Protein backbone atom coordinates (compact mmCIF):
# COMPACT_ATOMS: atom_id res chain seq x y z
CA MET A 1 0.00 0.00 0.00
CA SER A 2 1.40 3.38 -0.93
CA SER A 3 1.88 6.08 1.66
CA TYR A 4 -0.67 8.21 -0.23
CA VAL A 5 -3.50 5.65 -0.10
CA LEU A 6 -3.36 5.16 3.68
CA PRO A 7 -4.11 8.81 4.57
CA GLN A 8 -7.04 8.79 2.14
CA ARG A 9 -8.48 5.71 3.84
CA LEU A 10 -7.79 7.17 7.26
CA LEU A 11 -9.50 10.46 6.47
CA ALA A 12 -12.43 8.66 4.84
CA ALA A 13 -12.87 6.51 7.96
CA LEU A 14 -12.71 9.58 10.20
CA LYS A 15 -15.26 11.40 8.04
CA SER A 16 -17.58 8.38 8.02
CA ALA A 17 -17.44 8.04 11.80
CA ASP A 18 -17.95 11.79 12.25
CA THR A 19 -20.95 11.84 9.91
CA ARG A 20 -22.65 8.88 11.59
CA ILE A 21 -22.03 10.24 15.08
CA ARG A 22 -23.25 13.69 14.04
CA VAL A 23 -26.48 12.16 12.66
CA ALA A 24 -27.01 10.33 15.97
CA LYS A 25 -26.27 13.48 17.97
CA ASN A 26 -28.67 15.56 15.86
CA ALA A 27 -31.37 12.92 16.37
CA ALA A 28 -30.74 13.10 20.13
CA LEU A 29 -31.08 16.88 20.07
CA ASP A 30 -34.24 16.60 17.96
CA ALA A 31 -35.70 14.20 20.54
CA ALA A 32 -35.08 16.85 23.19
CA GLY A 33 -36.65 19.55 21.03
CA LEU A 34 -33.45 21.52 20.41
CA THR A 35 -31.30 22.48 17.46
CA HIS A 36 -27.53 22.28 17.72
CA PRO A 37 -27.16 26.11 17.97
CA GLN A 38 -29.82 26.25 20.70
CA PHE A 39 -28.11 23.45 22.61
CA THR A 40 -24.74 25.19 22.35
CA ALA A 41 -26.15 28.49 23.63
CA LEU A 42 -27.97 26.71 26.48
CA ARG A 43 -24.75 24.87 27.37
CA VAL A 44 -22.99 28.23 27.78
CA LEU A 45 -25.92 29.69 29.73
CA SER A 46 -26.14 26.64 32.00
CA VAL A 47 -22.62 27.36 33.19
CA ASP A 48 -22.87 31.14 33.27
CA PRO A 49 -26.42 32.57 33.09
CA GLY A 50 -26.82 36.30 32.61
CA LEU A 51 -24.30 36.80 29.82
CA THR A 52 -24.80 39.35 27.06
CA ALA A 53 -25.47 38.19 23.52
CA ALA A 54 -21.93 39.18 22.52
CA GLU A 55 -20.44 37.10 25.37
CA ILE A 56 -22.55 34.09 24.41
CA ALA A 57 -21.47 34.48 20.77
CA ARG A 58 -17.78 34.49 21.78
CA ARG A 59 -18.17 31.39 23.94
CA CYS A 60 -20.14 29.58 21.22
CA GLU A 61 -17.54 30.67 18.66
CA VAL A 62 -20.09 32.29 16.36
CA THR A 63 -20.45 35.84 15.11
CA PRO A 64 -22.51 38.36 17.08
CA GLN A 65 -24.85 38.53 14.06
CA THR A 66 -25.47 34.77 14.27
CA MET A 67 -26.28 35.03 17.96
CA ALA A 68 -28.47 38.09 17.35
CA ALA A 69 -30.52 35.96 14.93
CA LEU A 70 -30.64 32.93 17.26
CA LEU A 71 -31.72 34.60 20.51
CA PRO A 72 -35.12 35.90 19.32
CA ARG A 73 -35.94 32.39 18.08
CA MET A 74 -34.90 30.97 21.46
CA GLU A 75 -37.10 33.52 23.20
CA ALA A 76 -40.04 32.69 20.92
CA ALA A 77 -39.53 28.98 21.69
CA GLY A 78 -39.55 29.72 25.43
CA LEU A 79 -35.92 28.60 25.91
CA ALA A 80 -34.36 31.88 27.05
CA GLU A 81 -35.27 35.37 28.24
CA ARG A 82 -33.47 38.68 28.02
CA HIS A 83 -33.50 41.16 30.88
CA ARG A 84 -31.84 44.52 31.32
CA ASN A 85 -29.47 44.56 34.28
CA PRO A 86 -30.62 47.57 36.36
CA ARG A 87 -27.11 48.14 37.69
CA THR A 88 -25.15 47.99 34.42
CA GLY A 89 -27.84 48.54 31.81
CA ALA A 90 -26.59 45.52 29.87
CA VAL A 91 -29.13 43.17 28.32
CA GLU A 92 -28.46 39.75 29.82
CA VAL A 93 -29.74 36.38 28.68
CA VAL A 94 -30.91 33.64 31.04
CA PRO A 95 -32.36 30.22 30.28
CA THR A 96 -36.01 29.67 31.16
CA ALA A 97 -37.21 26.68 33.17
CA ASP A 98 -38.23 25.06 29.88
CA GLY A 99 -34.80 25.84 28.39
CA ARG A 100 -33.07 24.25 31.38
CA ALA A 101 -35.34 21.18 31.17
CA LYS A 102 -34.77 20.72 27.43
CA TYR A 103 -31.02 21.18 27.92
CA ALA A 104 -31.02 18.48 30.63
CA GLU A 105 -33.02 16.16 28.35
CA ALA A 106 -30.58 16.80 25.49
CA LEU A 107 -27.64 15.97 27.76
CA ALA A 108 -29.30 12.70 28.75
CA GLN A 109 -29.96 11.85 25.08
CA LEU A 110 -26.37 12.70 24.12
CA ASP A 111 -25.09 10.53 26.98
CA LEU A 112 -26.96 7.62 25.38
CA VAL A 113 -25.25 8.30 22.04
CA GLU A 114 -21.85 8.44 23.70
CA ALA A 115 -22.53 5.25 25.65
CA SER A 116 -23.56 3.50 22.45
CA VAL A 117 -20.32 4.51 20.73
CA ALA A 118 -18.22 3.69 23.80
CA ALA A 119 -19.81 0.24 24.07
CA ALA A 120 -18.10 -0.72 20.82
CA LEU A 121 -14.69 -0.31 22.50
CA SER A 122 -12.97 -1.56 25.61
CA ALA A 123 -11.84 1.08 28.08
CA ALA A 124 -8.24 0.66 26.87
CA GLU A 125 -9.33 0.99 23.23
CA ALA A 126 -11.35 4.11 24.02
CA ASP A 127 -8.34 5.68 25.75
CA GLN A 128 -6.09 4.71 22.87
CA LEU A 129 -8.55 6.09 20.32
CA CYS A 130 -8.72 9.41 22.18
CA ASP A 131 -4.92 9.60 22.20
CA LEU A 132 -4.70 8.74 18.50
CA LEU A 133 -7.37 11.25 17.53
CA GLU A 134 -5.59 13.96 19.51
CA ARG A 135 -2.38 13.14 17.64
CA CYS A 136 -4.27 13.32 14.32
CA ALA A 137 -5.75 16.69 15.29
CA GLN A 138 -2.32 18.04 16.26
CA ALA A 139 -0.81 16.74 13.01
CA ALA A 140 -3.58 18.39 10.98
CA LYS A 141 -3.05 21.65 12.84
CA ALA A 142 0.71 21.48 12.24
CA GLY A 143 0.11 20.69 8.56
CA ARG A 144 -2.03 23.82 8.16
CA SER A 145 0.67 26.08 9.56
CA THR A 146 3.44 24.93 7.22
């Protein structure tokens, strides 16, 4: 086997696994009634409620414009509320009770996906796979910077 064929097979296998896992994760989020962007914003707000839209955007690694479009939809869905902080005047976002409940349900559904994937490997294999994937990620990062 040539050295060029192996990376193609490796990358194809990584892409296939990523696609199948992403489909399962999206189904888990759908079951909880959330989209991936909503889940990501709720994850940030579950750790640090009361952030501004700009702070949430930074932590979600999206543009402020993307977050500005997402938050009204989250409010309309009853997942989050915005309030003006009387002390600072900043508009802060907090999850609603329904948003917290749907986030908890999504976490439970995602745990099932992860458990399903992990069940295919022994603990040693899972540890080894994590190490190997980290090495692949570092190699890809190094390859981009050359």
